[in-house]
């Protein structure tokens, strides 16, 4: 299975003191390194985990909380220092079935993918166990992440159970990746820009008595601007810096047309309301036509984007 590859598991820890020992014990024997990252945990999860005296265990302590992304990035850097070939991210709250790590890393070892991630939406029975609010929230975030990352073939992109090859990891600027809850989405955006192949692995989550640290209010306030920034960043680099094709032209034409159409239409509508006068057919067409053309150009650009999802040759 390993083919002489060195494999590490990174476990970010924050308020997981009840589960961390069980999670460490569940890690398969073929794993070469277990990297625990205590993200300034108030429950001292790192110290509790270190008491297991596991021979493969390394513990990193953050003096200041950096968020789940910051903890994972610290673990990734440690894995690179240990010359690991494949690095798996496993949460410390027991929601992820560590026996499925073999499923997760197989496509990377077989060079079918550069990055793999779990997909909780594949198993209908497991889906019924997911809390409805979490299911709805993940569905909305999934679509937004598809749009931002360009991985239109990936479901459940916010899933944190993932694995990555060292070669791919070295292509990323880890210091520029979001360090908090936007981490899973931001790493996908950055992976697309280096043409990494991402593959879904059906892996149902486990829901017990764990407490989520993710605030719905925080997501609603902070994620939309980050998604928009991610879309702009990926399109700019992928279609205007690293490459230039018809999608570049379509994006370039669609935005001004849409802005002009909506702007002119709103202006004329307000003017007509102010003086109680209806706009004539020519004015309406002058606003509608740029919008229609802009939408068509945008749809064409999205179609090209879907067709250029990174694939193995």
C-alpha atoms as a PDB file:
ATOM      1  CA  UNK A   1       0.000   0.000   0.000  1.00  0.00           C
ATOM      2  CA  UNK A   2       2.676   2.535   1.045  1.00  0.00           C
ATOM      3  CA  UNK A   3       5.232   1.656  -1.617  1.00  0.00           C
ATOM      4  CA  UNK A   4       8.052   2.995   0.607  1.00  0.00           C
ATOM      5  CA  UNK A   5       6.325   6.335   1.014  1.00  0.00           C
ATOM      6  CA  UNK A   6       6.537   8.252   4.274  1.00  0.00           C
ATOM      7  CA  UNK A   7       3.054   9.201   5.473  1.00  0.00           C
ATOM      8  CA  UNK A   8       2.132  11.671   8.185  1.00  0.00           C
ATOM      9  CA  UNK A   9      -1.120  12.558   9.909  1.00  0.00           C
ATOM     10  CA  UNK A  10      -1.641  16.141  11.088  1.00  0.00           C
ATOM     11  CA  UNK A  11      -4.175  16.614  13.894  1.00  0.00           C
ATOM     12  CA  UNK A  12      -5.161  20.213  14.755  1.00  0.00           C
ATOM     13  CA  UNK A  13      -6.283  20.466  18.382  1.00  0.00           C
ATOM     14  CA  UNK A  14      -8.624  23.017  19.913  1.00  0.00           C
ATOM     15  CA  UNK A  15     -11.057  22.030  22.653  1.00  0.00           C
ATOM     16  CA  UNK A  16     -10.843  18.325  21.813  1.00  0.00           C
ATOM     17  CA  UNK A  17      -9.507  17.072  25.154  1.00  0.00           C
ATOM     18  CA  UNK A  18     -12.329  14.492  25.451  1.00  0.00           C
ATOM     19  CA  UNK A  19     -11.501  12.853  22.130  1.00  0.00           C
ATOM     20  CA  UNK A  20      -7.799  13.363  21.408  1.00  0.00           C
ATOM     21  CA  UNK A  21      -6.460  10.199  23.063  1.00  0.00           C
ATOM     22  CA  UNK A  22      -9.017   8.063  21.211  1.00  0.00           C
ATOM     23  CA  UNK A  23      -8.181   9.767  17.910  1.00  0.00           C
ATOM     24  CA  UNK A  24      -4.443   9.182  18.367  1.00  0.00           C
ATOM     25  CA  UNK A  25      -5.032   5.535  19.262  1.00  0.00           C
ATOM     26  CA  UNK A  26      -7.179   5.071  16.154  1.00  0.00           C
ATOM     27  CA  UNK A  27      -4.453   6.147  13.709  1.00  0.00           C
ATOM     28  CA  UNK A  28      -3.422   3.117  11.575  1.00  0.00           C
ATOM     29  CA  UNK A  29      -0.077   1.443  12.298  1.00  0.00           C
ATOM     30  CA  UNK A  30       1.321   2.120   8.822  1.00  0.00           C
ATOM     31  CA  UNK A  31       1.399   5.887   9.493  1.00  0.00           C
ATOM     32  CA  UNK A  32       4.999   7.007  10.051  1.00  0.00           C
ATOM     33  CA  UNK A  33       4.401  10.316  11.857  1.00  0.00           C
ATOM     34  CA  UNK A  34       1.556  11.723  13.939  1.00  0.00           C
ATOM     35  CA  UNK A  35       1.825  15.503  14.256  1.00  0.00           C
ATOM     36  CA  UNK A  36      -0.359  17.041  16.938  1.00  0.00           C
ATOM     37  CA  UNK A  37      -0.815  20.831  16.795  1.00  0.00           C
ATOM     38  CA  UNK A  38      -2.147  22.420  19.969  1.00  0.00           C
ATOM     39  CA  UNK A  39      -3.600  25.722  18.748  1.00  0.00           C
ATOM     40  CA  UNK A  40      -3.369  27.484  22.124  1.00  0.00           C
ATOM     41  CA  UNK A  41      -6.095  25.136  23.329  1.00  0.00           C
ATOM     42  CA  UNK A  42      -7.621  26.230  26.675  1.00  0.00           C
ATOM     43  CA  UNK A  43      -8.197  22.545  27.510  1.00  0.00           C
ATOM     44  CA  UNK A  44      -4.497  21.732  26.897  1.00  0.00           C
ATOM     45  CA  UNK A  45      -5.390  19.076  24.337  1.00  0.00           C
ATOM     46  CA  UNK A  46      -1.753  18.897  23.194  1.00  0.00           C
ATOM     47  CA  UNK A  47      -0.474  18.020  26.667  1.00  0.00           C
ATOM     48  CA  UNK A  48      -3.202  15.443  27.101  1.00  0.00           C
ATOM     49  CA  UNK A  49      -2.338  13.908  23.746  1.00  0.00           C
ATOM     50  CA  UNK A  50       1.377  13.879  24.503  1.00  0.00           C
ATOM     51  CA  UNK A  51       0.744  11.728  27.591  1.00  0.00           C
ATOM     52  CA  UNK A  52      -0.075   8.796  25.312  1.00  0.00           C
ATOM     53  CA  UNK A  53       3.713   8.332  24.844  1.00  0.00           C
ATOM     54  CA  UNK A  54       3.157   7.281  21.238  1.00  0.00           C
ATOM     55  CA  UNK A  55       6.557   6.651  19.611  1.00  0.00           C
ATOM     56  CA  UNK A  56       5.486   8.325  16.343  1.00  0.00           C
ATOM     57  CA  UNK A  57       4.001  11.407  18.000  1.00  0.00           C
ATOM     58  CA  UNK A  58       5.296  14.968  17.623  1.00  0.00           C
ATOM     59  CA  UNK A  59       3.525  17.855  19.367  1.00  0.00           C
ATOM     60  CA  UNK A  60       3.594  21.505  18.296  1.00  0.00           C
ATOM     61  CA  UNK A  61       2.298  24.192  20.660  1.00  0.00           C
ATOM     62  CA  UNK A  62       1.021  27.579  19.447  1.00  0.00           C
ATOM     63  CA  UNK A  63       1.416  30.452  21.902  1.00  0.00           C
ATOM     64  CA  UNK A  64      -1.440  32.305  20.173  1.00  0.00           C
ATOM     65  CA  UNK A  65      -4.515  30.747  18.589  1.00  0.00           C
ATOM     66  CA  UNK A  66      -4.165  30.807  14.787  1.00  0.00           C
ATOM     67  CA  UNK A  67      -7.331  28.971  13.774  1.00  0.00           C
ATOM     68  CA  UNK A  68      -7.743  25.542  12.227  1.00  0.00           C
ATOM     69  CA  UNK A  69      -5.935  26.587   9.049  1.00  0.00           C
ATOM     70  CA  UNK A  70      -2.986  27.968  10.986  1.00  0.00           C
ATOM     71  CA  UNK A  71      -2.727  24.737  12.973  1.00  0.00           C
ATOM     72  CA  UNK A  72      -2.852  22.589   9.831  1.00  0.00           C
ATOM     73  CA  UNK A  73      -0.259  24.751   8.080  1.00  0.00           C
ATOM     74  CA  UNK A  74       2.107  24.348  11.043  1.00  0.00           C
ATOM     75  CA  UNK A  75       1.577  20.591  10.799  1.00  0.00           C
ATOM     76  CA  UNK A  76       2.197  20.658   7.032  1.00  0.00           C
ATOM     77  CA  UNK A  77       5.492  22.507   7.522  1.00  0.00           C
ATOM     78  CA  UNK A  78       6.583  19.979  10.153  1.00  0.00           C
ATOM     79  CA  UNK A  79       5.692  17.116   7.793  1.00  0.00           C
ATOM     80  CA  UNK A  80       7.820  18.705   5.062  1.00  0.00           C
ATOM     81  CA  UNK A  81      10.722  18.947   7.517  1.00  0.00           C
ATOM     82  CA  UNK A  82      10.251  15.227   8.246  1.00  0.00           C
ATOM     83  CA  UNK A  83      10.410  14.562   4.471  1.00  0.00           C
ATOM     84  CA  UNK A  84       6.935  13.023   4.364  1.00  0.00           C
ATOM     85  CA  UNK A  85       5.576  12.097   0.943  1.00  0.00           C
ATOM     86  CA  UNK A  86       1.855  12.221   1.793  1.00  0.00           C
ATOM     87  CA  UNK A  87       0.238  14.270   4.541  1.00  0.00           C
ATOM     88  CA  UNK A  88      -3.255  13.584   5.900  1.00  0.00           C
ATOM     89  CA  UNK A  89      -5.297  16.075   7.903  1.00  0.00           C
ATOM     90  CA  UNK A  90      -7.396  14.415  10.621  1.00  0.00           C
ATOM     91  CA  UNK A  91      -9.556  16.377  13.060  1.00  0.00           C
ATOM     92  CA  UNK A  92      -9.097  15.801  16.768  1.00  0.00           C
ATOM     93  CA  UNK A  93     -12.808  15.668  17.621  1.00  0.00           C
ATOM     94  CA  UNK A  94     -13.445  12.101  16.456  1.00  0.00           C
ATOM     95  CA  UNK A  95     -15.731  13.053  13.541  1.00  0.00           C
ATOM     96  CA  UNK A  96     -13.445  11.388  10.991  1.00  0.00           C
ATOM     97  CA  UNK A  97     -13.035   7.633  10.622  1.00  0.00           C
ATOM     98  CA  UNK A  98      -9.252   7.146  10.633  1.00  0.00           C
ATOM     99  CA  UNK A  99      -9.640   3.625   9.220  1.00  0.00           C
ATOM    100  CA  UNK A 100     -10.599   5.359   5.941  1.00  0.00           C
ATOM    101  CA  UNK A 101      -7.161   6.969   5.600  1.00  0.00           C
ATOM    102  CA  UNK A 102      -6.200   4.161   3.229  1.00  0.00           C
ATOM    103  CA  UNK A 103      -9.072   5.173   0.911  1.00  0.00           C
ATOM    104  CA  UNK A 104      -7.979   8.791   1.124  1.00  0.00           C
ATOM    105  CA  UNK A 105      -4.309   8.315   0.238  1.00  0.00           C
ATOM    106  CA  UNK A 106      -4.698   5.553  -2.389  1.00  0.00           C
ATOM    107  CA  UNK A 107      -5.299   7.925  -5.368  1.00  0.00           C
ATOM    108  CA  UNK A 108      -2.236   9.970  -4.365  1.00  0.00           C
ATOM    109  CA  UNK A 109      -0.011   6.908  -4.059  1.00  0.00           C
ATOM    110  CA  UNK A 110      -1.290   5.673  -7.413  1.00  0.00           C
ATOM    111  CA  UNK A 111      -0.640   9.146  -8.917  1.00  0.00           C
ATOM    112  CA  UNK A 112      -4.290   9.601  -9.861  1.00  0.00           C
ATOM    113  CA  UNK A 113      -4.652  12.758  -7.756  1.00  0.00           C
ATOM    114  CA  UNK A 114      -2.571  15.410  -5.996  1.00  0.00           C
ATOM    115  CA  UNK A 115      -5.125  16.201  -3.299  1.00  0.00           C
ATOM    116  CA  UNK A 116      -7.991  14.119  -1.999  1.00  0.00           C
ATOM    117  CA  UNK A 117     -10.833  15.021   0.318  1.00  0.00           C
ATOM    118  CA  UNK A 118     -13.782  13.351   1.951  1.00  0.00           C
ATOM    119  CA  UNK A 119     -17.305  13.624   0.596  1.00  0.00           C
ATOM    120  CA  UNK A 120     -20.075  13.269   3.181  1.00  0.00           C
ATOM    121  CA  UNK A 121     -22.802  13.742   0.552  1.00  0.00           C
ATOM    122  CA  UNK A 122     -22.189  10.421  -1.200  1.00  0.00           C
ATOM    123  CA  UNK A 123     -23.842   8.168   1.387  1.00  0.00           C
ATOM    124  CA  UNK A 124     -27.578   8.930   1.779  1.00  0.00           C
ATOM    125  CA  UNK A 125     -27.854   6.969   5.036  1.00  0.00           C
ATOM    126  CA  UNK A 126     -24.985   8.926   6.561  1.00  0.00           C
ATOM    127  CA  UNK A 127     -26.527  12.170   5.318  1.00  0.00           C
ATOM    128  CA  UNK A 128     -29.641  11.508   7.390  1.00  0.00           C
ATOM    129  CA  UNK A 129     -27.453  11.596  10.506  1.00  0.00           C
ATOM    130  CA  UNK A 130     -26.105  15.072   9.691  1.00  0.00           C
ATOM    131  CA  UNK A 131     -27.905  17.896  11.550  1.00  0.00           C
ATOM    132  CA  UNK A 132     -30.243  19.726   9.141  1.00  0.00           C
ATOM    133  CA  UNK A 133     -28.785  23.178   9.789  1.00  0.00           C
ATOM    134  CA  UNK A 134     -25.291  21.821   9.134  1.00  0.00           C
ATOM    135  CA  UNK A 135     -26.488  20.031   5.989  1.00  0.00           C
ATOM    136  CA  UNK A 136     -28.080  23.202   4.602  1.00  0.00           C
ATOM    137  CA  UNK A 137     -25.070  25.346   5.492  1.00  0.00           C
ATOM    138  CA  UNK A 138     -22.643  22.901   3.906  1.00  0.00           C
ATOM    139  CA  UNK A 139     -24.734  22.736   0.721  1.00  0.00           C
ATOM    140  CA  UNK A 140     -24.686  26.523   0.316  1.00  0.00           C
ATOM    141  CA  UNK A 141     -20.973  26.721   1.105  1.00  0.00           C
ATOM    142  CA  UNK A 142     -20.295  23.861  -1.287  1.00  0.00           C
ATOM    143  CA  UNK A 143     -21.783  25.728  -4.238  1.00  0.00           C
ATOM    144  CA  UNK A 144     -19.986  28.947  -3.320  1.00  0.00           C
ATOM    145  CA  UNK A 145     -16.698  27.061  -3.010  1.00  0.00           C
ATOM    146  CA  UNK A 146     -17.183  25.383  -6.398  1.00  0.00           C
ATOM    147  CA  UNK A 147     -17.577  28.838  -7.914  1.00  0.00           C
ATOM    148  CA  UNK A 148     -14.538  30.254  -6.125  1.00  0.00           C
ATOM    149  CA  UNK A 149     -12.193  27.280  -6.524  1.00  0.00           C
ATOM    150  CA  UNK A 150     -13.115  26.134 -10.030  1.00  0.00           C
ATOM    151  CA  UNK A 151     -13.431  22.501  -8.918  1.00  0.00           C
ATOM    152  CA  UNK A 152     -16.954  22.087 -10.261  1.00  0.00           C
ATOM    153  CA  UNK A 153     -16.677  18.291 -10.055  1.00  0.00           C
ATOM    154  CA  UNK A 154     -16.088  18.284  -6.298  1.00  0.00           C
ATOM    155  CA  UNK A 155     -18.900  17.884  -3.782  1.00  0.00           C
ATOM    156  CA  UNK A 156     -18.653  18.835  -0.121  1.00  0.00           C
ATOM    157  CA  UNK A 157     -15.580  21.063  -0.688  1.00  0.00           C
ATOM    158  CA  UNK A 158     -15.715  22.296   2.914  1.00  0.00           C
ATOM    159  CA  UNK A 159     -14.907  18.787   4.182  1.00  0.00           C
ATOM    160  CA  UNK A 160     -11.718  18.893   6.267  1.00  0.00           C
ATOM    161  CA  UNK A 161     -10.740  15.215   5.964  1.00  0.00           C
ATOM    162  CA  UNK A 162      -8.074  15.491   3.270  1.00  0.00           C
ATOM    163  CA  UNK A 163      -4.670  14.342   2.048  1.00  0.00           C
ATOM    164  CA  UNK A 164      -2.027  16.010  -0.101  1.00  0.00           C
ATOM    165  CA  UNK A 165       1.243  15.003  -1.734  1.00  0.00           C
ATOM    166  CA  UNK A 166       4.484  16.691  -0.694  1.00  0.00           C
ATOM    167  CA  UNK A 167       5.153  17.692  -4.319  1.00  0.00           C
ATOM    168  CA  UNK A 168       1.849  19.587  -4.473  1.00  0.00           C
ATOM    169  CA  UNK A 169       2.299  21.091  -1.028  1.00  0.00           C
ATOM    170  CA  UNK A 170       5.661  22.537  -2.026  1.00  0.00           C
ATOM    171  CA  UNK A 171       4.011  24.381  -4.925  1.00  0.00           C
ATOM    172  CA  UNK A 172       1.748  26.309  -2.549  1.00  0.00           C
ATOM    173  CA  UNK A 173       2.669  29.438  -0.655  1.00  0.00           C
ATOM    174  CA  UNK A 174       1.474  28.236   2.741  1.00  0.00           C
ATOM    175  CA  UNK A 175       2.000  31.655   4.311  1.00  0.00           C
ATOM    176  CA  UNK A 176      -0.635  33.139   1.961  1.00  0.00           C
ATOM    177  CA  UNK A 177      -3.394  30.600   2.690  1.00  0.00           C
ATOM    178  CA  UNK A 178      -6.247  31.555   5.015  1.00  0.00           C
ATOM    179  CA  UNK A 179      -5.536  30.405   8.566  1.00  0.00           C
ATOM    180  CA  UNK A 180      -9.022  30.171   9.996  1.00  0.00           C
ATOM    181  CA  UNK A 181     -12.271  28.470   8.944  1.00  0.00           C
ATOM    182  CA  UNK A 182     -11.914  29.559   5.319  1.00  0.00           C
ATOM    183  CA  UNK A 183      -8.845  27.305   5.079  1.00  0.00           C
ATOM    184  CA  UNK A 184     -10.530  24.362   3.290  1.00  0.00           C
ATOM    185  CA  UNK A 185     -11.920  26.678   0.608  1.00  0.00           C
ATOM    186  CA  UNK A 186      -8.793  28.791   0.233  1.00  0.00           C
ATOM    187  CA  UNK A 187      -6.515  25.794  -0.230  1.00  0.00           C
ATOM    188  CA  UNK A 188      -8.772  24.582  -3.065  1.00  0.00           C
ATOM    189  CA  UNK A 189      -8.526  28.006  -4.724  1.00  0.00           C
ATOM    190  CA  UNK A 190      -4.731  27.877  -4.495  1.00  0.00           C
ATOM    191  CA  UNK A 191      -4.621  24.258  -5.695  1.00  0.00           C
ATOM    192  CA  UNK A 192      -6.553  25.190  -8.838  1.00  0.00           C
ATOM    193  CA  UNK A 193      -4.039  27.923  -9.647  1.00  0.00           C
ATOM    194  CA  UNK A 194      -1.217  25.324  -9.697  1.00  0.00           C
ATOM    195  CA  UNK A 195      -3.393  22.874 -11.687  1.00  0.00           C
ATOM    196  CA  UNK A 196      -3.494  20.262  -8.934  1.00  0.00           C
ATOM    197  CA  UNK A 197      -5.836  17.326  -9.519  1.00  0.00           C
ATOM    198  CA  UNK A 198      -8.434  17.010  -6.747  1.00  0.00           C
ATOM    199  CA  UNK A 199     -10.483  13.883  -6.171  1.00  0.00           C
ATOM    200  CA  UNK A 200     -13.510  13.185  -3.972  1.00  0.00           C
ATOM    201  CA  UNK A 201     -13.476  10.140  -1.706  1.00  0.00           C
ATOM    202  CA  UNK A 202     -16.831   8.986  -0.243  1.00  0.00           C
ATOM    203  CA  UNK A 203     -16.267   9.150   3.522  1.00  0.00           C
ATOM    204  CA  UNK A 204     -19.235   9.630   5.874  1.00  0.00           C
ATOM    205  CA  UNK A 205     -18.685  11.794   8.941  1.00  0.00           C
ATOM    206  CA  UNK A 206     -19.344  10.640  12.509  1.00  0.00           C
ATOM    207  CA  UNK A 207     -21.585  12.819  14.701  1.00  0.00           C
ATOM    208  CA  UNK A 208     -21.506  12.141  18.425  1.00  0.00           C
ATOM    209  CA  UNK A 209     -21.206  14.547  21.361  1.00  0.00           C
ATOM    210  CA  UNK A 210     -18.573  16.842  19.854  1.00  0.00           C
ATOM    211  CA  UNK A 211     -19.122  20.607  19.998  1.00  0.00           C
ATOM    212  CA  UNK A 212     -18.469  22.588  16.847  1.00  0.00           C
ATOM    213  CA  UNK A 213     -16.287  25.691  17.229  1.00  0.00           C
ATOM    214  CA  UNK A 214     -17.692  27.154  14.014  1.00  0.00           C
ATOM    215  CA  UNK A 215     -20.091  30.078  14.498  1.00  0.00           C
ATOM    216  CA  UNK A 216     -22.882  30.290  11.890  1.00  0.00           C
ATOM    217  CA  UNK A 217     -23.006  34.057  12.390  1.00  0.00           C
ATOM    218  CA  UNK A 218     -19.257  34.283  11.772  1.00  0.00           C
ATOM    219  CA  UNK A 219     -19.618  32.291   8.559  1.00  0.00           C
ATOM    220  CA  UNK A 220     -22.477  34.458   7.261  1.00  0.00           C
ATOM    221  CA  UNK A 221     -20.514  37.648   7.926  1.00  0.00           C
ATOM    222  CA  UNK A 222     -17.002  36.628   6.908  1.00  0.00           C
ATOM    223  CA  UNK A 223     -17.356  34.017   4.146  1.00  0.00           C
ATOM    224  CA  UNK A 224     -19.150  36.017   1.368  1.00  0.00           C
ATOM    225  CA  UNK A 225     -16.393  38.660   0.988  1.00  0.00           C
ATOM    226  CA  UNK A 226     -13.734  35.951   1.160  1.00  0.00           C
ATOM    227  CA  UNK A 227     -15.547  33.938  -1.527  1.00  0.00           C
ATOM    228  CA  UNK A 228     -15.740  37.011  -3.802  1.00  0.00           C
ATOM    229  CA  UNK A 229     -12.076  37.779  -3.187  1.00  0.00           C
ATOM    230  CA  UNK A 230     -11.202  34.135  -3.945  1.00  0.00           C
ATOM    231  CA  UNK A 231     -13.140  34.217  -7.237  1.00  0.00           C
ATOM    232  CA  UNK A 232     -11.411  37.419  -8.336  1.00  0.00           C
ATOM    233  CA  UNK A 233      -7.974  36.123  -7.320  1.00  0.00           C
ATOM    234  CA  UNK A 234      -8.332  32.794  -9.124  1.00  0.00           C
ATOM    235  CA  UNK A 235      -9.741  34.285 -12.328  1.00  0.00           C
ATOM    236  CA  UNK A 236      -7.065  36.992 -12.410  1.00  0.00           C
ATOM    237  CA  UNK A 237      -4.144  34.602 -11.955  1.00  0.00           C
ATOM    238  CA  UNK A 238      -5.490  31.675 -13.975  1.00  0.00           C
ATOM    239  CA  UNK A 239      -6.877  33.605 -16.950  1.00  0.00           C
ATOM    240  CA  UNK A 240      -4.722  36.736 -17.113  1.00  0.00           C
ATOM    241  CA  UNK A 241      -1.338  35.840 -15.562  1.00  0.00           C
ATOM    242  CA  UNK A 242      -0.714  32.115 -16.067  1.00  0.00           C
ATOM    243  CA  UNK A 243      -2.817  31.767 -19.228  1.00  0.00           C
ATOM    244  CA  UNK A 244      -4.956  33.721 -21.682  1.00  0.00           C
ATOM    245  CA  UNK A 245      -7.756  32.102 -23.672  1.00  0.00           C
ATOM    246  CA  UNK A 246     -11.349  32.706 -24.751  1.00  0.00           C
ATOM    247  CA  UNK A 247     -12.528  32.610 -21.124  1.00  0.00           C
ATOM    248  CA  UNK A 248     -10.227  35.582 -20.469  1.00  0.00           C
ATOM    249  CA  UNK A 249     -11.957  37.523 -23.249  1.00  0.00           C
ATOM    250  CA  UNK A 250     -15.452  36.486 -22.170  1.00  0.00           C
ATOM    251  CA  UNK A 251     -14.811  37.520 -18.540  1.00  0.00           C
ATOM    252  CA  UNK A 252     -13.302  40.808 -19.762  1.00  0.00           C
ATOM    253  CA  UNK A 253     -16.350  41.587 -21.908  1.00  0.00           C
ATOM    254  CA  UNK A 254     -19.091  40.364 -19.554  1.00  0.00           C
ATOM    255  CA  UNK A 255     -18.280  42.484 -16.497  1.00  0.00           C
ATOM    256  CA  UNK A 256     -18.368  45.944 -18.215  1.00  0.00           C
ATOM    257  CA  UNK A 257     -21.531  45.002 -20.116  1.00  0.00           C
ATOM    258  CA  UNK A 258     -23.304  43.859 -16.946  1.00  0.00           C
ATOM    259  CA  UNK A 259     -22.177  46.914 -14.972  1.00  0.00           C
ATOM    260  CA  UNK A 260     -23.273  49.292 -17.738  1.00  0.00           C
ATOM    261  CA  UNK A 261     -26.607  47.534 -18.258  1.00  0.00           C
ATOM    262  CA  UNK A 262     -27.548  47.462 -14.585  1.00  0.00           C
ATOM    263  CA  UNK A 263     -26.163  50.932 -13.894  1.00  0.00           C
ATOM    264  CA  UNK A 264     -27.889  52.563 -16.865  1.00  0.00           C
ATOM    265  CA  UNK A 265     -31.129  50.700 -16.165  1.00  0.00           C
ATOM    266  CA  UNK A 266     -31.245  51.743 -12.501  1.00  0.00           C
ATOM    267  CA  UNK A 267     -30.376  55.340 -13.411  1.00  0.00           C
ATOM    268  CA  UNK A 268     -33.140  55.569 -16.027  1.00  0.00           C
ATOM    269  CA  UNK A 269     -35.659  53.867 -13.747  1.00  0.00           C
ATOM    270  CA  UNK A 270     -34.929  56.329 -10.922  1.00  0.00           C
ATOM    271  CA  UNK A 271     -35.105  59.264 -13.319  1.00  0.00           C
ATOM    272  CA  UNK A 272     -38.445  58.070 -14.696  1.00  0.00           C
ATOM    273  CA  UNK A 273     -39.843  57.586 -11.177  1.00  0.00           C
ATOM    274  CA  UNK A 274     -38.708  61.063 -10.138  1.00  0.00           C
ATOM    275  CA  UNK A 275     -40.500  62.828 -13.012  1.00  0.00           C
ATOM    276  CA  UNK A 276     -43.335  60.259 -13.285  1.00  0.00           C
ATOM    277  CA  UNK A 277     -42.449  59.354 -16.879  1.00  0.00           C
ATOM    278  CA  UNK A 278     -42.196  55.937 -18.491  1.00  0.00           C
ATOM    279  CA  UNK A 279     -38.999  55.053 -20.376  1.00  0.00           C
ATOM    280  CA  UNK A 280     -39.438  54.303 -24.066  1.00  0.00           C
ATOM    281  CA  UNK A 281     -38.639  50.967 -25.721  1.00  0.00           C
ATOM    282  CA  UNK A 282     -35.262  52.190 -27.017  1.00  0.00           C
ATOM    283  CA  UNK A 283     -34.090  53.153 -23.524  1.00  0.00           C
ATOM    284  CA  UNK A 284     -35.237  49.817 -22.102  1.00  0.00           C
ATOM    285  CA  UNK A 285     -33.386  47.919 -24.840  1.00  0.00           C
ATOM    286  CA  UNK A 286     -30.254  50.000 -24.259  1.00  0.00           C
ATOM    287  CA  UNK A 287     -30.252  48.734 -20.671  1.00  0.00           C
ATOM    288  CA  UNK A 288     -31.436  45.173 -21.376  1.00  0.00           C
ATOM    289  CA  UNK A 289     -29.187  44.308 -24.322  1.00  0.00           C
ATOM    290  CA  UNK A 290     -25.846  44.758 -22.481  1.00  0.00           C
ATOM    291  CA  UNK A 291     -27.225  42.660 -19.598  1.00  0.00           C
ATOM    292  CA  UNK A 292     -28.295  39.862 -21.969  1.00  0.00           C
ATOM    293  CA  UNK A 293     -24.942  39.898 -23.765  1.00  0.00           C
ATOM    294  CA  UNK A 294     -23.045  40.107 -20.456  1.00  0.00           C
ATOM    295  CA  UNK A 295     -24.885  37.073 -19.076  1.00  0.00           C
ATOM    296  CA  UNK A 296     -24.215  35.109 -22.273  1.00  0.00           C
ATOM    297  CA  UNK A 297     -20.494  35.942 -22.216  1.00  0.00           C
ATOM    298  CA  UNK A 298     -20.329  35.054 -18.511  1.00  0.00           C
ATOM    299  CA  UNK A 299     -22.028  31.688 -19.086  1.00  0.00           C
ATOM    300  CA  UNK A 300     -19.563  30.930 -21.894  1.00  0.00           C
ATOM    301  CA  UNK A 301     -16.640  31.777 -19.606  1.00  0.00           C
ATOM    302  CA  UNK A 302     -18.046  29.522 -16.859  1.00  0.00           C
ATOM    303  CA  UNK A 303     -18.470  26.691 -19.370  1.00  0.00           C
ATOM    304  CA  UNK A 304     -14.802  26.981 -20.357  1.00  0.00           C
ATOM    305  CA  UNK A 305     -13.877  27.095 -16.660  1.00  0.00           C
ATOM    306  CA  UNK A 306     -15.811  23.860 -16.065  1.00  0.00           C
ATOM    307  CA  UNK A 307     -14.107  22.207 -19.030  1.00  0.00           C
ATOM    308  CA  UNK A 308     -10.642  23.153 -17.779  1.00  0.00           C
ATOM    309  CA  UNK A 309     -10.831  21.412 -14.394  1.00  0.00           C
ATOM    310  CA  UNK A 310      -7.304  20.020 -13.782  1.00  0.00           C
ATOM    311  CA  UNK A 311      -6.999  16.357 -14.819  1.00  0.00           C
ATOM    312  CA  UNK A 312      -4.229  13.796 -15.002  1.00  0.00           C
ATOM    313  CA  UNK A 313      -2.940  13.201 -18.533  1.00  0.00           C
END
